[in-house]
Amino acid sequence: FKTDQAQDAKKMEKLNNIFFTLMARGPETDI
């Protein structure tokens, strides 16, 4: 995914949180 919009930084932060949750709690975790 490619972007040049500054507002997409918040979206990237949410995606980071999703991956952190999946990695820490396991792939079957409800996100």
PDB file of all heavy atoms in Angstrom:
ATOM      1  N   PHE A   1       0.865  -1.174   0.000  1.00  0.00           N
ATOM      2  CA  PHE A   1       0.000   0.000   0.000  1.00  0.00           C
ATOM      3  C   PHE A   1       0.900   1.223   0.000  1.00  0.00           C
ATOM      4  O   PHE A   1       1.831   1.313   0.796  1.00  0.00           O
ATOM      5  CB  PHE A   1      -0.912  -0.001   1.232  1.00  0.00           C
ATOM      6  CG  PHE A   1      -1.825   1.178   1.310  1.00  0.00           C
ATOM      7  CD1 PHE A   1      -3.000   1.215   0.585  1.00  0.00           C
ATOM      8  CD2 PHE A   1      -1.505   2.259   2.110  1.00  0.00           C
ATOM      9  CE1 PHE A   1      -3.845   2.305   0.649  1.00  0.00           C
ATOM     10  CE2 PHE A   1      -2.348   3.358   2.183  1.00  0.00           C
ATOM     11  CZ  PHE A   1      -3.518   3.373   1.453  1.00  0.00           C
ATOM     12  N   LYS A   2       0.618   2.167  -0.888  1.00  0.00           N
ATOM     13  CA  LYS A   2       1.447   3.374  -1.002  1.00  0.00           C
ATOM     14  C   LYS A   2       0.558   4.599  -0.819  1.00  0.00           C
ATOM     15  O   LYS A   2      -0.548   4.652  -1.342  1.00  0.00           O
ATOM     16  CB  LYS A   2       2.124   3.411  -2.368  1.00  0.00           C
ATOM     17  CG  LYS A   2       2.951   4.648  -2.592  1.00  0.00           C
ATOM     18  CD  LYS A   2       3.819   4.589  -3.827  1.00  0.00           C
ATOM     19  CE  LYS A   2       3.060   4.272  -5.062  1.00  0.00           C
ATOM     20  NZ  LYS A   2       3.870   4.406  -6.296  1.00  0.00           N
ATOM     21  N   THR A   3       1.075   5.573  -0.074  1.00  0.00           N
ATOM     22  CA  THR A   3       0.333   6.811   0.136  1.00  0.00           C
ATOM     23  C   THR A   3       1.285   7.983   0.281  1.00  0.00           C
ATOM     24  O   THR A   3       2.450   7.809   0.638  1.00  0.00           O
ATOM     25  CB  THR A   3      -0.572   6.708   1.390  1.00  0.00           C
ATOM     26  OG1 THR A   3      -1.355   7.892   1.492  1.00  0.00           O
ATOM     27  CG2 THR A   3       0.234   6.544   2.653  1.00  0.00           C
ATOM     28  N   ASP A   4       0.757   9.171   0.016  1.00  0.00           N
ATOM     29  CA  ASP A   4       1.512  10.394   0.263  1.00  0.00           C
ATOM     30  C   ASP A   4       0.700  11.350   1.122  1.00  0.00           C
ATOM     31  O   ASP A   4       1.029  12.525   1.240  1.00  0.00           O
ATOM     32  CB  ASP A   4       1.930  11.061  -1.047  1.00  0.00           C
ATOM     33  CG  ASP A   4       0.741  11.398  -1.925  1.00  0.00           C
ATOM     34  OD1 ASP A   4      -0.396  11.062  -1.559  1.00  0.00           O
ATOM     35  OD2 ASP A   4       0.964  12.009  -2.984  1.00  0.00           O
ATOM     36  N   GLN A   5      -0.351  10.844   1.729  1.00  0.00           N
ATOM     37  CA  GLN A   5      -1.233  11.651   2.569  1.00  0.00           C
ATOM     38  C   GLN A   5      -0.795  11.574   4.035  1.00  0.00           C
ATOM     39  O   GLN A   5      -0.623  10.478   4.573  1.00  0.00           O
ATOM     40  CB  GLN A   5      -2.680  11.159   2.456  1.00  0.00           C
ATOM     41  CG  GLN A   5      -3.227  11.183   1.048  1.00  0.00           C
ATOM     42  CD  GLN A   5      -3.316  12.593   0.511  1.00  0.00           C
ATOM     43  OE1 GLN A   5      -3.752  13.503   1.205  1.00  0.00           O
ATOM     44  NE2 GLN A   5      -2.883  12.772  -0.724  1.00  0.00           N
ATOM     45  N   ALA A   6      -0.636  12.711   4.674  1.00  0.00           N
ATOM     46  CA  ALA A   6      -0.217  12.751   6.075  1.00  0.00           C
ATOM     47  C   ALA A   6      -1.277  12.143   6.991  1.00  0.00           C
ATOM     48  O   ALA A   6      -0.950  11.570   8.027  1.00  0.00           O
ATOM     49  CB  ALA A   6       0.071  14.189   6.491  1.00  0.00           C
ATOM     50  N   GLN A   7      -2.545  12.242   6.609  1.00  0.00           N
ATOM     51  CA  GLN A   7      -3.614  11.721   7.451  1.00  0.00           C
ATOM     52  C   GLN A   7      -3.586  10.195   7.535  1.00  0.00           C
ATOM     53  O   GLN A   7      -4.171   9.611   8.440  1.00  0.00           O
ATOM     54  CB  GLN A   7      -4.968  12.180   6.936  1.00  0.00           C
ATOM     55  CG  GLN A   7      -5.300  11.656   5.550  1.00  0.00           C
ATOM     56  CD  GLN A   7      -6.417  12.409   4.887  1.00  0.00           C
ATOM     57  OE1 GLN A   7      -6.751  13.498   5.311  1.00  0.00           O
ATOM     58  NE2 GLN A   7      -6.981  11.826   3.863  1.00  0.00           N
ATOM     59  N   ASP A   8      -2.896   9.533   6.620  1.00  0.00           N
ATOM     60  CA  ASP A   8      -2.802   8.082   6.649  1.00  0.00           C
ATOM     61  C   ASP A   8      -1.862   7.587   7.740  1.00  0.00           C
ATOM     62  O   ASP A   8      -1.795   6.385   7.996  1.00  0.00           O
ATOM     63  CB  ASP A   8      -2.357   7.544   5.284  1.00  0.00           C
ATOM     64  CG  ASP A   8      -3.467   7.636   4.251  1.00  0.00           C
ATOM     65  OD1 ASP A   8      -4.644   7.728   4.648  1.00  0.00           O
ATOM     66  OD2 ASP A   8      -3.152   7.623   3.044  1.00  0.00           O
ATOM     67  N   ALA A   9      -1.148   8.477   8.392  1.00  0.00           N
ATOM     68  CA  ALA A   9      -0.278   8.080   9.502  1.00  0.00           C
ATOM     69  C   ALA A   9      -1.102   7.489  10.644  1.00  0.00           C
ATOM     70  O   ALA A   9      -0.671   6.530  11.287  1.00  0.00           O
ATOM     71  CB  ALA A   9       0.539   9.269   9.993  1.00  0.00           C
ATOM     72  N   LYS A  10      -2.283   8.026  10.896  1.00  0.00           N
ATOM     73  CA  LYS A  10      -3.164   7.476  11.933  1.00  0.00           C
ATOM     74  C   LYS A  10      -3.614   6.069  11.557  1.00  0.00           C
ATOM     75  O   LYS A  10      -3.697   5.186  12.398  1.00  0.00           O
ATOM     76  CB  LYS A  10      -4.395   8.362  12.131  1.00  0.00           C
ATOM     77  CG  LYS A  10      -4.150   9.566  12.968  1.00  0.00           C
ATOM     78  CD  LYS A  10      -4.075   9.155  14.414  1.00  0.00           C
ATOM     79  CE  LYS A  10      -4.076  10.399  15.266  1.00  0.00           C
ATOM     80  NZ  LYS A  10      -3.681  10.128  16.621  1.00  0.00           N
ATOM     81  N   LYS A  11      -3.897   5.859  10.285  1.00  0.00           N
ATOM     82  CA  LYS A  11      -4.302   4.533   9.824  1.00  0.00           C
ATOM     83  C   LYS A  11      -3.155   3.543  10.004  1.00  0.00           C
ATOM     84  O   LYS A  11      -3.365   2.402  10.410  1.00  0.00           O
ATOM     85  CB  LYS A  11      -4.717   4.583   8.354  1.00  0.00           C
ATOM     86  CG  LYS A  11      -5.969   5.363   8.096  1.00  0.00           C
ATOM     87  CD  LYS A  11      -6.270   5.385   6.611  1.00  0.00           C
ATOM     88  CE  LYS A  11      -7.492   6.204   6.285  1.00  0.00           C
ATOM     89  NZ  LYS A  11      -7.744   6.249   4.850  1.00  0.00           N
ATOM     90  N   MET A  12      -1.936   3.995   9.706  1.00  0.00           N
ATOM     91  CA  MET A  12      -0.774   3.141   9.876  1.00  0.00           C
ATOM     92  C   MET A  12      -0.588   2.771  11.341  1.00  0.00           C
ATOM     93  O   MET A  12      -0.260   1.635  11.671  1.00  0.00           O
ATOM     94  CB  MET A  12       0.480   3.841   9.354  1.00  0.00           C
ATOM     95  CG  MET A  12       1.726   2.998   9.461  1.00  0.00           C
ATOM     96  SD  MET A  12       3.232   3.955   9.464  1.00  0.00           S
ATOM     97  CE  MET A  12       3.070   4.902  10.942  1.00  0.00           C
ATOM     98  N   GLU A  13      -0.843   3.729  12.228  1.00  0.00           N
ATOM     99  CA  GLU A  13      -0.733   3.471  13.664  1.00  0.00           C
ATOM    100  C   GLU A  13      -1.742   2.408  14.102  1.00  0.00           C
ATOM    101  O   GLU A  13      -1.418   1.524  14.902  1.00  0.00           O
ATOM    102  CB  GLU A  13      -0.948   4.773  14.429  1.00  0.00           C
ATOM    103  CG  GLU A  13      -0.699   4.661  15.904  1.00  0.00           C
ATOM    104  CD  GLU A  13      -0.844   5.991  16.612  1.00  0.00           C
ATOM    105  OE1 GLU A  13      -0.698   7.043  15.965  1.00  0.00           O
ATOM    106  OE2 GLU A  13      -1.119   5.962  17.817  1.00  0.00           O
ATOM    107  N   LYS A  14      -2.960   2.470  13.565  1.00  0.00           N
ATOM    108  CA  LYS A  14      -3.962   1.450  13.889  1.00  0.00           C
ATOM    109  C   LYS A  14      -3.538   0.080  13.378  1.00  0.00           C
ATOM    110  O   LYS A  14      -3.723  -0.928  14.053  1.00  0.00           O
ATOM    111  CB  LYS A  14      -5.318   1.820  13.298  1.00  0.00           C
ATOM    112  CG  LYS A  14      -6.049   2.873  14.079  1.00  0.00           C
ATOM    113  CD  LYS A  14      -7.449   3.061  13.538  1.00  0.00           C
ATOM    114  CE  LYS A  14      -8.199   4.077  14.347  1.00  0.00           C
ATOM    115  NZ  LYS A  14      -9.570   4.230  13.898  1.00  0.00           N
ATOM    116  N   LEU A  15      -2.954   0.035  12.181  1.00  0.00           N
ATOM    117  CA  LEU A  15      -2.478  -1.234  11.641  1.00  0.00           C
ATOM    118  C   LEU A  15      -1.350  -1.785  12.510  1.00  0.00           C
ATOM    119  O   LEU A  15      -1.292  -2.993  12.768  1.00  0.00           O
ATOM    120  CB  LEU A  15      -2.007  -1.074  10.193  1.00  0.00           C
ATOM    121  CG  LEU A  15      -1.555  -2.353   9.506  1.00  0.00           C
ATOM    122  CD1 LEU A  15      -2.706  -3.346   9.392  1.00  0.00           C
ATOM    123  CD2 LEU A  15      -0.995  -2.048   8.131  1.00  0.00           C
ATOM    124  N   ASN A  16      -0.458  -0.926  12.976  1.00  0.00           N
ATOM    125  CA  ASN A  16       0.589  -1.366  13.904  1.00  0.00           C
ATOM    126  C   ASN A  16      -0.027  -1.994  15.147  1.00  0.00           C
ATOM    127  O   ASN A  16       0.417  -3.045  15.601  1.00  0.00           O
ATOM    128  CB  ASN A  16       1.481  -0.195  14.314  1.00  0.00           C
ATOM    129  CG  ASN A  16       2.447   0.208  13.239  1.00  0.00           C
ATOM    130  OD1 ASN A  16       2.693  -0.528  12.299  1.00  0.00           O
ATOM    131  ND2 ASN A  16       2.986   1.400  13.373  1.00  0.00           N
ATOM    132  N   ASN A  17      -1.041  -1.348  15.710  1.00  0.00           N
ATOM    133  CA  ASN A  17      -1.697  -1.879  16.902  1.00  0.00           C
ATOM    134  C   ASN A  17      -2.357  -3.229  16.630  1.00  0.00           C
ATOM    135  O   ASN A  17      -2.333  -4.117  17.476  1.00  0.00           O
ATOM    136  CB  ASN A  17      -2.719  -0.886  17.441  1.00  0.00           C
ATOM    137  CG  ASN A  17      -2.072   0.333  18.055  1.00  0.00           C
ATOM    138  OD1 ASN A  17      -0.913   0.288  18.462  1.00  0.00           O
ATOM    139  ND2 ASN A  17      -2.802   1.425  18.115  1.00  0.00           N
ATOM    140  N   ILE A  18      -2.934  -3.383  15.450  1.00  0.00           N
ATOM    141  CA  ILE A  18      -3.541  -4.670  15.089  1.00  0.00           C
ATOM    142  C   ILE A  18      -2.476  -5.753  15.050  1.00  0.00           C
ATOM    143  O   ILE A  18      -2.646  -6.828  15.632  1.00  0.00           O
ATOM    144  CB  ILE A  18      -4.266  -4.568  13.726  1.00  0.00           C
ATOM    145  CG1 ILE A  18      -5.525  -3.720  13.852  1.00  0.00           C
ATOM    146  CG2 ILE A  18      -4.607  -5.955  13.196  1.00  0.00           C
ATOM    147  CD1 ILE A  18      -6.173  -3.379  12.522  1.00  0.00           C
ATOM    148  N   PHE A  19      -1.348  -5.481  14.386  1.00  0.00           N
ATOM    149  CA  PHE A  19      -0.294  -6.485  14.300  1.00  0.00           C
ATOM    150  C   PHE A  19       0.343  -6.755  15.658  1.00  0.00           C
ATOM    151  O   PHE A  19       0.666  -7.904  15.966  1.00  0.00           O
ATOM    152  CB  PHE A  19       0.769  -6.084  13.279  1.00  0.00           C
ATOM    153  CG  PHE A  19       0.410  -6.448  11.876  1.00  0.00           C
ATOM    154  CD1 PHE A  19       0.290  -5.483  10.905  1.00  0.00           C
ATOM    155  CD2 PHE A  19       0.172  -7.764  11.519  1.00  0.00           C
ATOM    156  CE1 PHE A  19      -0.045  -5.816   9.604  1.00  0.00           C
ATOM    157  CE2 PHE A  19      -0.166  -8.117  10.232  1.00  0.00           C
ATOM    158  CZ  PHE A  19      -0.276  -7.136   9.269  1.00  0.00           C
ATOM    159  N   PHE A  20       0.526  -5.723  16.485  1.00  0.00           N
ATOM    160  CA  PHE A  20       1.062  -5.949  17.831  1.00  0.00           C
ATOM    161  C   PHE A  20       0.138  -6.858  18.627  1.00  0.00           C
ATOM    162  O   PHE A  20       0.589  -7.754  19.335  1.00  0.00           O
ATOM    163  CB  PHE A  20       1.258  -4.627  18.577  1.00  0.00           C
ATOM    164  CG  PHE A  20       2.366  -3.772  18.041  1.00  0.00           C
ATOM    165  CD1 PHE A  20       2.325  -2.404  18.184  1.00  0.00           C
ATOM    166  CD2 PHE A  20       3.447  -4.324  17.372  1.00  0.00           C
ATOM    167  CE1 PHE A  20       3.340  -1.606  17.690  1.00  0.00           C
ATOM    168  CE2 PHE A  20       4.467  -3.536  16.873  1.00  0.00           C
ATOM    169  CZ  PHE A  20       4.412  -2.174  17.038  1.00  0.00           C
ATOM    170  N   THR A  21      -1.167  -6.628  18.522  1.00  0.00           N
ATOM    171  CA  THR A  21      -2.143  -7.452  19.229  1.00  0.00           C
ATOM    172  C   THR A  21      -2.099  -8.888  18.733  1.00  0.00           C
ATOM    173  O   THR A  21      -2.086  -9.831  19.535  1.00  0.00           O
ATOM    174  CB  THR A  21      -3.561  -6.881  19.053  1.00  0.00           C
ATOM    175  OG1 THR A  21      -3.587  -5.542  19.547  1.00  0.00           O
ATOM    176  CG2 THR A  21      -4.580  -7.714  19.794  1.00  0.00           C
ATOM    177  N   LEU A  22      -2.078  -9.081  17.427  1.00  0.00           N
ATOM    178  CA  LEU A  22      -2.041 -10.433  16.873  1.00  0.00           C
ATOM    179  C   LEU A  22      -0.753 -11.165  17.247  1.00  0.00           C
ATOM    180  O   LEU A  22      -0.771 -12.366  17.523  1.00  0.00           O
ATOM    181  CB  LEU A  22      -2.183 -10.379  15.351  1.00  0.00           C
ATOM    182  CG  LEU A  22      -3.555  -9.975  14.817  1.00  0.00           C
ATOM    183  CD1 LEU A  22      -3.500  -9.787  13.310  1.00  0.00           C
ATOM    184  CD2 LEU A  22      -4.604 -11.004  15.186  1.00  0.00           C
ATOM    185  N   MET A  23       0.363 -10.439  17.274  1.00  0.00           N
ATOM    186  CA  MET A  23       1.633 -11.080  17.602  1.00  0.00           C
ATOM    187  C   MET A  23       1.737 -11.413  19.088  1.00  0.00           C
ATOM    188  O   MET A  23       2.291 -12.436  19.460  1.00  0.00           O
ATOM    189  CB  MET A  23       2.796 -10.176  17.196  1.00  0.00           C
ATOM    190  CG  MET A  23       2.970 -10.068  15.710  1.00  0.00           C
ATOM    191  SD  MET A  23       4.285  -8.903  15.319  1.00  0.00           S
ATOM    192  CE  MET A  23       4.047  -8.731  13.567  1.00  0.00           C
ATOM    193  N   ALA A  24       1.190 -10.558  19.931  1.00  0.00           N
ATOM    194  CA  ALA A  24       1.303 -10.771  21.367  1.00  0.00           C
ATOM    195  C   ALA A  24       0.285 -11.782  21.892  1.00  0.00           C
ATOM    196  O   ALA A  24       0.613 -12.614  22.733  1.00  0.00           O
ATOM    197  CB  ALA A  24       1.128  -9.444  22.102  1.00  0.00           C
ATOM    198  N   ARG A  25      -0.938 -11.729  21.397  1.00  0.00           N
ATOM    199  CA  ARG A  25      -2.001 -12.582  21.925  1.00  0.00           C
ATOM    200  C   ARG A  25      -2.277 -13.815  21.081  1.00  0.00           C
ATOM    201  O   ARG A  25      -3.032 -14.679  21.494  1.00  0.00           O
ATOM    202  CB  ARG A  25      -3.294 -11.781  22.045  1.00  0.00           C
ATOM    203  CG  ARG A  25      -3.190 -10.639  23.014  1.00  0.00           C
ATOM    204  CD  ARG A  25      -4.501  -9.925  23.118  1.00  0.00           C
ATOM    205  NE  ARG A  25      -4.394  -8.726  23.917  1.00  0.00           N
ATOM    206  CZ  ARG A  25      -5.352  -7.830  24.029  1.00  0.00           C
ATOM    207  NH1 ARG A  25      -6.487  -8.005  23.393  1.00  0.00           N
ATOM    208  NH2 ARG A  25      -5.178  -6.774  24.768  1.00  0.00           N
ATOM    209  N   GLY A  26      -1.722 -13.868  19.883  1.00  0.00           N
ATOM    210  CA  GLY A  26      -1.937 -15.018  19.013  1.00  0.00           C
ATOM    211  C   GLY A  26      -2.815 -14.654  17.835  1.00  0.00           C
ATOM    212  O   GLY A  26      -3.605 -13.711  17.891  1.00  0.00           O
ATOM    213  N   PRO A  27      -2.686 -15.413  16.745  1.00  0.00           N
ATOM    214  CA  PRO A  27      -3.399 -15.069  15.507  1.00  0.00           C
ATOM    215  C   PRO A  27      -4.914 -15.241  15.563  1.00  0.00           C
ATOM    216  O   PRO A  27      -5.616 -14.706  14.726  1.00  0.00           O
ATOM    217  CB  PRO A  27      -2.775 -16.000  14.464  1.00  0.00           C
ATOM    218  CG  PRO A  27      -2.149 -17.091  15.227  1.00  0.00           C
ATOM    219  CD  PRO A  27      -1.790 -16.539  16.564  1.00  0.00           C
ATOM    220  N   GLU A  28      -5.415 -15.976  16.543  1.00  0.00           N
ATOM    221  CA  GLU A  28      -6.866 -16.190  16.631  1.00  0.00           C
ATOM    222  C   GLU A  28      -7.564 -15.140  17.496  1.00  0.00           C
ATOM    223  O   GLU A  28      -8.760 -15.223  17.731  1.00  0.00           O
ATOM    224  CB  GLU A  28      -7.155 -17.589  17.187  1.00  0.00           C
ATOM    225  CG  GLU A  28      -6.594 -18.697  16.332  1.00  0.00           C
ATOM    226  CD  GLU A  28      -7.080 -18.631  14.883  1.00  0.00           C
ATOM    227  OE1 GLU A  28      -8.273 -18.341  14.669  1.00  0.00           O
ATOM    228  OE2 GLU A  28      -6.270 -18.852  13.985  1.00  0.00           O
ATOM    229  N   THR A  29      -6.845 -14.135  17.935  1.00  0.00           N
ATOM    230  CA  THR A  29      -7.381 -13.093  18.802  1.00  0.00           C
ATOM    231  C   THR A  29      -8.404 -12.228  18.070  1.00  0.00           C
ATOM    232  O   THR A  29      -8.237 -11.915  16.890  1.00  0.00           O
ATOM    233  CB  THR A  29      -6.237 -12.191  19.306  1.00  0.00           C
ATOM    234  OG1 THR A  29      -5.289 -12.996  19.971  1.00  0.00           O
ATOM    235  CG2 THR A  29      -6.743 -11.130  20.258  1.00  0.00           C
ATOM    236  N   ASP A  30      -9.440 -11.836  18.795  1.00  0.00           N
ATOM    237  CA  ASP A  30     -10.442 -10.929  18.241  1.00  0.00           C
ATOM    238  C   ASP A  30      -9.857  -9.514  18.252  1.00  0.00           C
ATOM    239  O   ASP A  30      -9.438  -9.015  19.293  1.00  0.00           O
ATOM    240  CB  ASP A  30     -11.711 -10.989  19.095  1.00  0.00           C
ATOM    241  CG  ASP A  30     -12.808 -10.095  18.566  1.00  0.00           C
ATOM    242  OD1 ASP A  30     -12.827  -9.835  17.344  1.00  0.00           O
ATOM    243  OD2 ASP A  30     -13.654  -9.661  19.372  1.00  0.00           O
ATOM    244  N   ILE A  31      -9.824  -8.876  17.096  1.00  0.00           N
ATOM    245  CA  ILE A  31      -9.184  -7.560  16.994  1.00  0.00           C
ATOM    246  C   ILE A  31     -10.198  -6.420  16.957  1.00  0.00           C
ATOM    247  O   ILE A  31      -9.837  -5.293  16.670  1.00  0.00           O
ATOM    248  CB  ILE A  31      -8.266  -7.483  15.762  1.00  0.00           C
ATOM    249  CG1 ILE A  31      -9.032  -7.781  14.480  1.00  0.00           C
ATOM    250  CG2 ILE A  31      -7.074  -8.390  15.928  1.00  0.00           C
ATOM    251  CD1 ILE A  31      -8.258  -7.491  13.229  1.00  0.00           C
TER     252      ILE A  31
END
